[in-house]
Amino acid sequence: MGDLDRIRWRCRRGLLELDLVLKAFLEHRYGELDAEQRRLFNELLEESDNDLLDLALGRAEPAPRYRAVVEMLRAG
């Protein structure tokens, strides 16, 4: 299984809304991330579904180190 396949699998979550946000991000923006941003995105995937959805929808603000990645996630 390749790296992108692993990430795609980790993006399958328990909330449909979050699945849709993460799927769009993978299709449209993930390829733009550099190695450090990909590492940070992997860290973000450790968050609970509800916390990650709040970050993606702008209902919560990310820690400064995640800001650029979360902004890209919000842009889809």
N, C-alpha and C. Protein backbone atom coordinates (compact mmCIF):
# COMPACT_ATOMS: atom_id res chain seq x y z
N MET A 1 0.85 -1.18 0.00
CA MET A 1 0.00 0.00 0.00
C MET A 1 0.90 1.24 0.00
N GLY A 2 0.64 2.15 -0.94
CA GLY A 2 1.44 3.37 -1.04
C GLY A 2 1.04 4.41 -0.01
N ASP A 3 1.86 5.45 0.09
CA ASP A 3 1.59 6.52 1.06
C ASP A 3 0.23 7.17 0.85
N LEU A 4 -0.11 7.47 -0.39
CA LEU A 4 -1.40 8.11 -0.66
C LEU A 4 -2.55 7.18 -0.28
N ASP A 5 -2.39 5.90 -0.54
CA ASP A 5 -3.43 4.94 -0.14
C ASP A 5 -3.61 4.91 1.37
N ARG A 6 -2.50 4.97 2.11
CA ARG A 6 -2.58 4.99 3.57
C ARG A 6 -3.29 6.25 4.07
N ILE A 7 -2.95 7.38 3.47
CA ILE A 7 -3.59 8.63 3.85
C ILE A 7 -5.09 8.56 3.52
N ARG A 8 -5.40 8.08 2.33
CA ARG A 8 -6.81 7.97 1.95
C ARG A 8 -7.58 7.11 2.95
N TRP A 9 -6.97 6.01 3.37
CA TRP A 9 -7.61 5.12 4.35
C TRP A 9 -7.80 5.83 5.69
N ARG A 10 -6.80 6.59 6.12
CA ARG A 10 -6.89 7.31 7.40
C ARG A 10 -7.91 8.44 7.34
N CYS A 11 -8.24 8.90 6.15
CA CYS A 11 -9.23 9.98 5.99
C CYS A 11 -10.66 9.46 6.03
N ARG A 12 -10.84 8.18 6.05
CA ARG A 12 -12.19 7.62 6.19
C ARG A 12 -12.57 7.71 7.65
N ARG A 13 -13.58 8.50 7.94
CA ARG A 13 -13.93 8.79 9.31
C ARG A 13 -15.37 8.38 9.61
N GLY A 14 -15.80 8.64 10.82
CA GLY A 14 -17.14 8.27 11.23
C GLY A 14 -18.21 9.30 10.93
N LEU A 15 -17.81 10.46 10.45
CA LEU A 15 -18.76 11.52 10.13
C LEU A 15 -18.77 11.75 8.62
N LEU A 16 -19.92 11.63 8.00
CA LEU A 16 -20.02 11.81 6.55
C LEU A 16 -19.51 13.17 6.13
N GLU A 17 -19.86 14.21 6.87
CA GLU A 17 -19.43 15.56 6.52
C GLU A 17 -17.90 15.65 6.48
N LEU A 18 -17.26 15.04 7.47
CA LEU A 18 -15.80 15.06 7.52
C LEU A 18 -15.21 14.24 6.38
N ASP A 19 -15.81 13.10 6.08
CA ASP A 19 -15.36 12.30 4.94
C ASP A 19 -15.37 13.11 3.65
N LEU A 20 -16.42 13.87 3.45
CA LEU A 20 -16.54 14.67 2.23
C LEU A 20 -15.48 15.77 2.17
N VAL A 21 -15.23 16.43 3.29
CA VAL A 21 -14.22 17.48 3.34
C VAL A 21 -12.84 16.89 3.05
N LEU A 22 -12.52 15.78 3.71
CA LEU A 22 -11.20 15.18 3.54
C LEU A 22 -11.01 14.61 2.13
N LYS A 23 -12.06 14.04 1.56
CA LYS A 23 -11.98 13.51 0.20
C LYS A 23 -11.68 14.64 -0.79
N ALA A 24 -12.39 15.75 -0.66
CA ALA A 24 -12.15 16.89 -1.54
C ALA A 24 -10.73 17.42 -1.38
N PHE A 25 -10.26 17.48 -0.14
CA PHE A 25 -8.89 17.94 0.11
C PHE A 25 -7.88 17.03 -0.56
N LEU A 26 -8.05 15.73 -0.41
CA LEU A 26 -7.12 14.79 -1.03
C LEU A 26 -7.11 14.91 -2.55
N GLU A 27 -8.27 15.09 -3.12
CA GLU A 27 -8.36 15.18 -4.58
C GLU A 27 -7.80 16.49 -5.14
N HIS A 28 -7.96 17.57 -4.40
CA HIS A 28 -7.64 18.88 -4.97
C HIS A 28 -6.42 19.57 -4.38
N ARG A 29 -6.05 19.28 -3.13
CA ARG A 29 -5.01 20.07 -2.49
C ARG A 29 -3.84 19.27 -1.94
N TYR A 30 -4.05 18.00 -1.62
CA TYR A 30 -3.01 17.22 -0.94
C TYR A 30 -1.70 17.20 -1.74
N GLY A 31 -1.79 17.12 -3.04
CA GLY A 31 -0.60 17.10 -3.89
C GLY A 31 0.25 18.35 -3.80
N GLU A 32 -0.33 19.44 -3.32
CA GLU A 32 0.40 20.71 -3.19
C GLU A 32 1.22 20.78 -1.91
N LEU A 33 0.97 19.87 -0.97
CA LEU A 33 1.67 19.92 0.31
C LEU A 33 3.12 19.50 0.17
N ASP A 34 4.00 20.18 0.88
CA ASP A 34 5.40 19.74 0.94
C ASP A 34 5.52 18.68 2.03
N ALA A 35 6.70 18.13 2.22
CA ALA A 35 6.89 17.02 3.16
C ALA A 35 6.50 17.41 4.59
N GLU A 36 6.86 18.60 5.02
CA GLU A 36 6.51 19.04 6.37
C GLU A 36 5.01 19.21 6.53
N GLN A 37 4.36 19.79 5.54
CA GLN A 37 2.91 19.95 5.60
C GLN A 37 2.20 18.59 5.60
N ARG A 38 2.73 17.64 4.87
CA ARG A 38 2.14 16.29 4.90
C ARG A 38 2.29 15.66 6.28
N ARG A 39 3.42 15.89 6.91
CA ARG A 39 3.62 15.38 8.26
C ARG A 39 2.61 16.01 9.22
N LEU A 40 2.42 17.32 9.09
CA LEU A 40 1.45 18.01 9.94
C LEU A 40 0.02 17.54 9.67
N PHE A 41 -0.30 17.29 8.41
CA PHE A 41 -1.63 16.77 8.08
C PHE A 41 -1.83 15.40 8.74
N ASN A 42 -0.81 14.57 8.71
CA ASN A 42 -0.89 13.26 9.39
C ASN A 42 -1.15 13.45 10.88
N GLU A 43 -0.50 14.42 11.49
CA GLU A 43 -0.75 14.71 12.90
C GLU A 43 -2.19 15.14 13.12
N LEU A 44 -2.71 15.96 12.22
CA LEU A 44 -4.10 16.41 12.36
C LEU A 44 -5.07 15.23 12.31
N LEU A 45 -4.73 14.21 11.56
CA LEU A 45 -5.61 13.04 11.45
C LEU A 45 -5.70 12.26 12.76
N GLU A 46 -4.86 12.60 13.74
CA GLU A 46 -4.94 11.98 15.06
C GLU A 46 -6.05 12.60 15.90
N GLU A 47 -6.55 13.76 15.48
CA GLU A 47 -7.62 14.43 16.22
C GLU A 47 -8.91 13.61 16.13
N SER A 48 -9.78 13.82 17.09
CA SER A 48 -11.08 13.15 17.04
C SER A 48 -11.87 13.69 15.84
N ASP A 49 -12.84 12.92 15.41
CA ASP A 49 -13.65 13.33 14.26
C ASP A 49 -14.29 14.70 14.49
N ASN A 50 -14.90 14.89 15.65
CA ASN A 50 -15.58 16.15 15.92
C ASN A 50 -14.62 17.33 15.96
N ASP A 51 -13.45 17.14 16.57
CA ASP A 51 -12.47 18.23 16.63
C ASP A 51 -11.94 18.56 15.24
N LEU A 52 -11.68 17.52 14.45
CA LEU A 52 -11.17 17.74 13.10
C LEU A 52 -12.23 18.43 12.23
N LEU A 53 -13.48 18.04 12.38
CA LEU A 53 -14.54 18.69 11.62
C LEU A 53 -14.66 20.16 12.03
N ASP A 54 -14.56 20.45 13.32
CA ASP A 54 -14.62 21.84 13.78
C ASP A 54 -13.48 22.66 13.17
N LEU A 55 -12.29 22.10 13.09
CA LEU A 55 -11.17 22.80 12.45
C LEU A 55 -11.46 23.03 10.97
N ALA A 56 -11.93 21.99 10.30
CA ALA A 56 -12.17 22.07 8.85
C ALA A 56 -13.26 23.08 8.52
N LEU A 57 -14.26 23.20 9.38
CA LEU A 57 -15.38 24.10 9.11
C LEU A 57 -15.18 25.50 9.69
N GLY A 58 -14.06 25.73 10.34
CA GLY A 58 -13.77 27.05 10.90
C GLY A 58 -14.47 27.33 12.21
N ARG A 59 -14.97 26.31 12.84
CA ARG A 59 -15.62 26.49 14.15
C ARG A 59 -14.60 26.47 15.29
N ALA A 60 -13.37 26.10 14.97
CA ALA A 60 -12.27 26.11 15.94
C ALA A 60 -11.02 26.58 15.21
N GLU A 61 -10.14 27.21 15.95
CA GLU A 61 -8.90 27.68 15.36
C GLU A 61 -7.78 26.69 15.65
N PRO A 62 -6.95 26.42 14.64
CA PRO A 62 -5.86 25.47 14.83
C PRO A 62 -4.70 26.08 15.60
N ALA A 63 -3.86 25.20 16.14
CA ALA A 63 -2.60 25.66 16.71
C ALA A 63 -1.80 26.32 15.58
N PRO A 64 -0.97 27.30 15.90
CA PRO A 64 -0.24 28.03 14.86
C PRO A 64 0.52 27.14 13.86
N ARG A 65 1.10 26.06 14.33
CA ARG A 65 1.88 25.22 13.41
C ARG A 65 1.01 24.53 12.36
N TYR A 66 -0.29 24.38 12.64
CA TYR A 66 -1.20 23.73 11.70
C TYR A 66 -1.95 24.72 10.82
N ARG A 67 -1.80 25.98 11.06
CA ARG A 67 -2.62 27.00 10.40
C ARG A 67 -2.62 26.88 8.87
N ALA A 68 -1.47 26.78 8.25
CA ALA A 68 -1.40 26.74 6.78
C ALA A 68 -2.11 25.50 6.23
N VAL A 69 -1.93 24.37 6.87
CA VAL A 69 -2.55 23.13 6.41
C VAL A 69 -4.07 23.20 6.59
N VAL A 70 -4.51 23.72 7.72
CA VAL A 70 -5.94 23.83 7.96
C VAL A 70 -6.58 24.83 6.99
N GLU A 71 -5.90 25.89 6.68
CA GLU A 71 -6.43 26.84 5.69
C GLU A 71 -6.61 26.16 4.33
N MET A 72 -5.66 25.32 3.96
CA MET A 72 -5.80 24.58 2.70
C MET A 72 -6.95 23.57 2.80
N LEU A 73 -7.10 22.96 3.95
CA LEU A 73 -8.19 22.01 4.16
C LEU A 73 -9.54 22.72 4.03
N ARG A 74 -9.62 23.90 4.59
CA ARG A 74 -10.87 24.68 4.52
C ARG A 74 -11.17 25.10 3.09
N ALA A 75 -10.13 25.34 2.30
CA ALA A 75 -10.32 25.77 0.91
C ALA A 75 -10.73 24.60 0.01
N GLY A 76 -10.52 23.38 0.51
CA GLY A 76 -10.93 22.20 -0.26
C GLY A 76 -9.98 21.92 -1.34
